[in-house]
């Protein structure tokens, strides 16, 4: 899919300790943002993570490369996703939305509005004379909301498509 992308992931790898033992290394959650304009394949290249020193270095300053199918680097923004929740299970969707609203290195503010808050959509006065069923008002307001967020090309495509799809009375 073409356009901006954002992934949250952890790196898990068995590393060697100095006493010839091994342990499972698990990185903090990382958020990576990138754009796939004219790209059809994305490959991750992580730095070497074989021992405690390399794992500690990765924790302090995580890095990775994204490469397309021709091994050409893809520009990437990488950050640690600081978890604020104290719950036993982490709701990554909530954490990423919070992160995207914070204007951090890898945040994508346009992704923070993916789940529109219905209370703000319903707070406006409807321009319709008759009061339609609540679901109809909500649907119309959501359409207007997403239409305003769309780029001009997407708006034009929608305006060409909509008249063709009018429901039969």
C-alpha atoms as a PDB file:
ATOM      1  CA  UNK A   1       0.000   0.000   0.000  1.00  0.00           C
ATOM      2  CA  UNK A   2       1.388   3.387  -1.008  1.00  0.00           C
ATOM      3  CA  UNK A   3       1.695   6.200   1.517  1.00  0.00           C
ATOM      4  CA  UNK A   4       2.733   6.706   5.115  1.00  0.00           C
ATOM      5  CA  UNK A   5       3.075   3.666   7.354  1.00  0.00           C
ATOM      6  CA  UNK A   6       3.741   3.205  11.029  1.00  0.00           C
ATOM      7  CA  UNK A   7       4.682   0.018  12.840  1.00  0.00           C
ATOM      8  CA  UNK A   8       5.166  -0.753  16.499  1.00  0.00           C
ATOM      9  CA  UNK A   9       7.344  -3.735  17.284  1.00  0.00           C
ATOM     10  CA  UNK A  10       9.803  -5.268  19.722  1.00  0.00           C
ATOM     11  CA  UNK A  11      13.023  -7.039  18.875  1.00  0.00           C
ATOM     12  CA  UNK A  12      13.383 -10.452  20.537  1.00  0.00           C
ATOM     13  CA  UNK A  13      16.646 -12.359  20.237  1.00  0.00           C
ATOM     14  CA  UNK A  14      18.684 -14.830  22.247  1.00  0.00           C
ATOM     15  CA  UNK A  15      21.935 -13.130  23.249  1.00  0.00           C
ATOM     16  CA  UNK A  16      25.121 -14.546  24.762  1.00  0.00           C
ATOM     17  CA  UNK A  17      26.193 -13.478  28.236  1.00  0.00           C
ATOM     18  CA  UNK A  18      29.832 -13.223  29.334  1.00  0.00           C
ATOM     19  CA  UNK A  19      29.596 -16.424  31.394  1.00  0.00           C
ATOM     20  CA  UNK A  20      28.716 -18.594  28.349  1.00  0.00           C
ATOM     21  CA  UNK A  21      25.020 -18.494  29.227  1.00  0.00           C
ATOM     22  CA  UNK A  22      22.207 -17.159  27.079  1.00  0.00           C
ATOM     23  CA  UNK A  23      19.144 -15.071  27.763  1.00  0.00           C
ATOM     24  CA  UNK A  24      16.252 -13.744  25.729  1.00  0.00           C
ATOM     25  CA  UNK A  25      16.687 -10.069  24.932  1.00  0.00           C
ATOM     26  CA  UNK A  26      13.449  -8.108  24.421  1.00  0.00           C
ATOM     27  CA  UNK A  27      13.716  -4.493  23.318  1.00  0.00           C
ATOM     28  CA  UNK A  28      11.386  -1.745  24.467  1.00  0.00           C
ATOM     29  CA  UNK A  29       8.490  -1.137  22.073  1.00  0.00           C
ATOM     30  CA  UNK A  30       9.746   0.764  19.046  1.00  0.00           C
ATOM     31  CA  UNK A  31       7.725   2.875  16.647  1.00  0.00           C
ATOM     32  CA  UNK A  32       8.900   3.302  13.073  1.00  0.00           C
ATOM     33  CA  UNK A  33       7.358   5.585  10.449  1.00  0.00           C
ATOM     34  CA  UNK A  34       8.115   5.519   6.746  1.00  0.00           C
ATOM     35  CA  UNK A  35       6.569   6.184   3.352  1.00  0.00           C
ATOM     36  CA  UNK A  36       6.216   3.584   0.606  1.00  0.00           C
ATOM     37  CA  UNK A  37       5.854   5.907  -2.366  1.00  0.00           C
ATOM     38  CA  UNK A  38       6.874   3.816  -5.421  1.00  0.00           C
ATOM     39  CA  UNK A  39       7.976   0.913  -3.198  1.00  0.00           C
ATOM     40  CA  UNK A  40       6.483  -2.583  -3.315  1.00  0.00           C
ATOM     41  CA  UNK A  41       8.725  -4.398  -0.819  1.00  0.00           C
ATOM     42  CA  UNK A  42      10.112  -3.393   2.584  1.00  0.00           C
ATOM     43  CA  UNK A  43      12.906  -5.307   4.336  1.00  0.00           C
ATOM     44  CA  UNK A  44      14.108  -4.668   7.881  1.00  0.00           C
ATOM     45  CA  UNK A  45      17.832  -4.692   8.641  1.00  0.00           C
ATOM     46  CA  UNK A  46      18.692  -4.617  12.344  1.00  0.00           C
ATOM     47  CA  UNK A  47      22.142  -4.024  13.797  1.00  0.00           C
ATOM     48  CA  UNK A  48      24.113  -6.888  15.288  1.00  0.00           C
ATOM     49  CA  UNK A  49      22.593  -8.050  18.609  1.00  0.00           C
ATOM     50  CA  UNK A  50      24.681 -10.941  19.903  1.00  0.00           C
ATOM     51  CA  UNK A  51      25.716  -9.969  23.435  1.00  0.00           C
ATOM     52  CA  UNK A  52      24.727  -7.909  26.484  1.00  0.00           C
ATOM     53  CA  UNK A  53      26.806  -4.887  25.418  1.00  0.00           C
ATOM     54  CA  UNK A  54      25.169  -4.727  21.966  1.00  0.00           C
ATOM     55  CA  UNK A  55      21.709  -5.166  23.515  1.00  0.00           C
ATOM     56  CA  UNK A  56      22.345  -2.351  26.018  1.00  0.00           C
ATOM     57  CA  UNK A  57      23.602  -0.126  23.208  1.00  0.00           C
ATOM     58  CA  UNK A  58      20.463  -0.903  21.162  1.00  0.00           C
ATOM     59  CA  UNK A  59      18.253  -0.074  24.178  1.00  0.00           C
ATOM     60  CA  UNK A  60      20.004   3.287  24.599  1.00  0.00           C
ATOM     61  CA  UNK A  61      20.011   4.193  20.900  1.00  0.00           C
ATOM     62  CA  UNK A  62      17.881   1.869  18.764  1.00  0.00           C
ATOM     63  CA  UNK A  63      18.502   1.904  15.047  1.00  0.00           C
ATOM     64  CA  UNK A  64      17.443  -0.037  11.999  1.00  0.00           C
ATOM     65  CA  UNK A  65      17.436   0.256   8.247  1.00  0.00           C
ATOM     66  CA  UNK A  66      14.513  -0.268   5.929  1.00  0.00           C
ATOM     67  CA  UNK A  67      15.397  -1.359   2.413  1.00  0.00           C
ATOM     68  CA  UNK A  68      13.240  -1.715  -0.666  1.00  0.00           C
ATOM     69  CA  UNK A  69      13.358  -4.750  -2.960  1.00  0.00           C
ATOM     70  CA  UNK A  70      16.485  -3.382  -4.668  1.00  0.00           C
ATOM     71  CA  UNK A  71      18.274  -2.920  -1.298  1.00  0.00           C
ATOM     72  CA  UNK A  72      17.898   0.862  -1.574  1.00  0.00           C
ATOM     73  CA  UNK A  73      17.476   2.528   1.845  1.00  0.00           C
ATOM     74  CA  UNK A  74      14.016   3.871   2.667  1.00  0.00           C
ATOM     75  CA  UNK A  75      13.985   7.049   4.810  1.00  0.00           C
ATOM     76  CA  UNK A  76      12.766   6.099   8.270  1.00  0.00           C
ATOM     77  CA  UNK A  77      11.941   7.757  11.582  1.00  0.00           C
ATOM     78  CA  UNK A  78      12.483   5.556  14.647  1.00  0.00           C
ATOM     79  CA  UNK A  79      11.681   6.172  18.297  1.00  0.00           C
ATOM     80  CA  UNK A  80      11.033   4.313  21.534  1.00  0.00           C
ATOM     81  CA  UNK A  81       7.334   4.101  22.399  1.00  0.00           C
ATOM     82  CA  UNK A  82       7.231   5.120  26.055  1.00  0.00           C
ATOM     83  CA  UNK A  83       4.355   3.248  27.701  1.00  0.00           C
ATOM     84  CA  UNK A  84       2.398   5.328  30.203  1.00  0.00           C
ATOM     85  CA  UNK A  85      -0.156   2.698  31.193  1.00  0.00           C
ATOM     86  CA  UNK A  86       0.310   0.773  34.423  1.00  0.00           C
ATOM     87  CA  UNK A  87      -2.180  -1.931  33.421  1.00  0.00           C
ATOM     88  CA  UNK A  88      -1.036  -5.546  33.165  1.00  0.00           C
ATOM     89  CA  UNK A  89      -1.823  -5.663  29.463  1.00  0.00           C
ATOM     90  CA  UNK A  90      -0.769  -2.803  27.218  1.00  0.00           C
ATOM     91  CA  UNK A  91      -3.293  -1.316  24.819  1.00  0.00           C
ATOM     92  CA  UNK A  92      -0.898  -0.456  22.009  1.00  0.00           C
ATOM     93  CA  UNK A  93      -3.626   1.243  19.998  1.00  0.00           C
ATOM     94  CA  UNK A  94      -4.197   3.762  22.807  1.00  0.00           C
ATOM     95  CA  UNK A  95      -0.463   4.199  23.398  1.00  0.00           C
ATOM     96  CA  UNK A  96       0.262   4.816  19.706  1.00  0.00           C
ATOM     97  CA  UNK A  97      -2.600   7.308  19.429  1.00  0.00           C
ATOM     98  CA  UNK A  98      -1.189   9.173  22.447  1.00  0.00           C
ATOM     99  CA  UNK A  99       2.277   9.039  20.870  1.00  0.00           C
ATOM    100  CA  UNK A 100       1.021  10.360  17.515  1.00  0.00           C
ATOM    101  CA  UNK A 101      -0.564  13.352  19.250  1.00  0.00           C
ATOM    102  CA  UNK A 102       2.720  14.203  21.007  1.00  0.00           C
ATOM    103  CA  UNK A 103       4.729  15.467  17.986  1.00  0.00           C
ATOM    104  CA  UNK A 104       7.640  13.126  18.670  1.00  0.00           C
ATOM    105  CA  UNK A 105      10.270  11.974  16.177  1.00  0.00           C
ATOM    106  CA  UNK A 106       8.270   9.149  14.510  1.00  0.00           C
ATOM    107  CA  UNK A 107       4.763  10.435  15.201  1.00  0.00           C
ATOM    108  CA  UNK A 108       2.221  10.672  12.399  1.00  0.00           C
ATOM    109  CA  UNK A 109      -0.442  13.133  13.598  1.00  0.00           C
ATOM    110  CA  UNK A 110      -2.797  12.137  10.763  1.00  0.00           C
ATOM    111  CA  UNK A 111      -2.954   8.639  12.297  1.00  0.00           C
ATOM    112  CA  UNK A 112      -4.055  10.031  15.667  1.00  0.00           C
ATOM    113  CA  UNK A 113      -7.425  11.055  14.217  1.00  0.00           C
ATOM    114  CA  UNK A 114      -8.241   7.647  12.738  1.00  0.00           C
ATOM    115  CA  UNK A 115     -10.794   6.998  15.470  1.00  0.00           C
ATOM    116  CA  UNK A 116     -12.916  10.129  15.537  1.00  0.00           C
ATOM    117  CA  UNK A 117     -14.403  11.108  18.879  1.00  0.00           C
ATOM    118  CA  UNK A 118     -18.146  10.934  18.272  1.00  0.00           C
ATOM    119  CA  UNK A 119     -18.836  13.562  20.928  1.00  0.00           C
ATOM    120  CA  UNK A 120     -17.104  16.253  18.835  1.00  0.00           C
ATOM    121  CA  UNK A 121     -18.889  15.079  15.709  1.00  0.00           C
ATOM    122  CA  UNK A 122     -22.285  15.339  17.372  1.00  0.00           C
ATOM    123  CA  UNK A 123     -21.692  18.700  19.060  1.00  0.00           C
ATOM    124  CA  UNK A 124     -22.433  20.738  15.912  1.00  0.00           C
ATOM    125  CA  UNK A 125     -25.936  21.847  14.956  1.00  0.00           C
ATOM    126  CA  UNK A 126     -27.407  19.910  12.042  1.00  0.00           C
ATOM    127  CA  UNK A 127     -28.343  21.993   9.012  1.00  0.00           C
ATOM    128  CA  UNK A 128     -31.258  19.670   8.263  1.00  0.00           C
ATOM    129  CA  UNK A 129     -34.790  20.917   9.015  1.00  0.00           C
ATOM    130  CA  UNK A 130     -36.294  17.604  10.005  1.00  0.00           C
ATOM    131  CA  UNK A 131     -34.528  15.617  12.687  1.00  0.00           C
ATOM    132  CA  UNK A 132     -33.388  12.385  11.044  1.00  0.00           C
ATOM    133  CA  UNK A 133     -32.687   9.191  12.958  1.00  0.00           C
ATOM    134  CA  UNK A 134     -29.552   9.436  15.104  1.00  0.00           C
ATOM    135  CA  UNK A 135     -27.643   6.922  12.973  1.00  0.00           C
ATOM    136  CA  UNK A 136     -28.261   9.017   9.846  1.00  0.00           C
ATOM    137  CA  UNK A 137     -26.932  12.180  11.545  1.00  0.00           C
ATOM    138  CA  UNK A 138     -23.848  10.351  12.753  1.00  0.00           C
ATOM    139  CA  UNK A 139     -23.199   8.843   9.323  1.00  0.00           C
ATOM    140  CA  UNK A 140     -23.498  12.231   7.633  1.00  0.00           C
ATOM    141  CA  UNK A 141     -21.247  13.910  10.179  1.00  0.00           C
ATOM    142  CA  UNK A 142     -18.635  11.194   9.826  1.00  0.00           C
ATOM    143  CA  UNK A 143     -18.740  11.552   6.023  1.00  0.00           C
ATOM    144  CA  UNK A 144     -18.229  15.305   6.336  1.00  0.00           C
ATOM    145  CA  UNK A 145     -15.420  14.800   8.841  1.00  0.00           C
ATOM    146  CA  UNK A 146     -13.479  12.362   6.634  1.00  0.00           C
ATOM    147  CA  UNK A 147     -14.206  14.412   3.494  1.00  0.00           C
ATOM    148  CA  UNK A 148     -12.591  17.459   5.115  1.00  0.00           C
ATOM    149  CA  UNK A 149      -9.501  15.385   6.009  1.00  0.00           C
ATOM    150  CA  UNK A 150      -9.114  13.929   2.510  1.00  0.00           C
ATOM    151  CA  UNK A 151      -6.673  15.342  -0.007  1.00  0.00           C
ATOM    152  CA  UNK A 152      -8.132  17.078  -3.116  1.00  0.00           C
ATOM    153  CA  UNK A 153      -7.604  14.059  -5.390  1.00  0.00           C
ATOM    154  CA  UNK A 154      -9.458  11.747  -2.997  1.00  0.00           C
ATOM    155  CA  UNK A 155     -12.291  14.284  -2.681  1.00  0.00           C
ATOM    156  CA  UNK A 156     -12.664  14.474  -6.474  1.00  0.00           C
ATOM    157  CA  UNK A 157     -12.651  10.688  -6.774  1.00  0.00           C
ATOM    158  CA  UNK A 158     -15.370  10.489  -4.115  1.00  0.00           C
ATOM    159  CA  UNK A 159     -17.463  13.199  -5.794  1.00  0.00           C
ATOM    160  CA  UNK A 160     -17.313  11.305  -9.091  1.00  0.00           C
ATOM    161  CA  UNK A 161     -18.157   7.997  -7.429  1.00  0.00           C
ATOM    162  CA  UNK A 162     -20.996   9.164  -5.129  1.00  0.00           C
ATOM    163  CA  UNK A 163     -23.618  10.107  -7.786  1.00  0.00           C
ATOM    164  CA  UNK A 164     -23.196   6.677  -9.383  1.00  0.00           C
ATOM    165  CA  UNK A 165     -23.959   4.956  -6.069  1.00  0.00           C
ATOM    166  CA  UNK A 166     -27.152   6.732  -5.050  1.00  0.00           C
ATOM    167  CA  UNK A 167     -29.539   4.303  -3.368  1.00  0.00           C
ATOM    168  CA  UNK A 168     -32.751   3.466  -5.170  1.00  0.00           C
ATOM    169  CA  UNK A 169     -35.820   4.950  -3.492  1.00  0.00           C
END
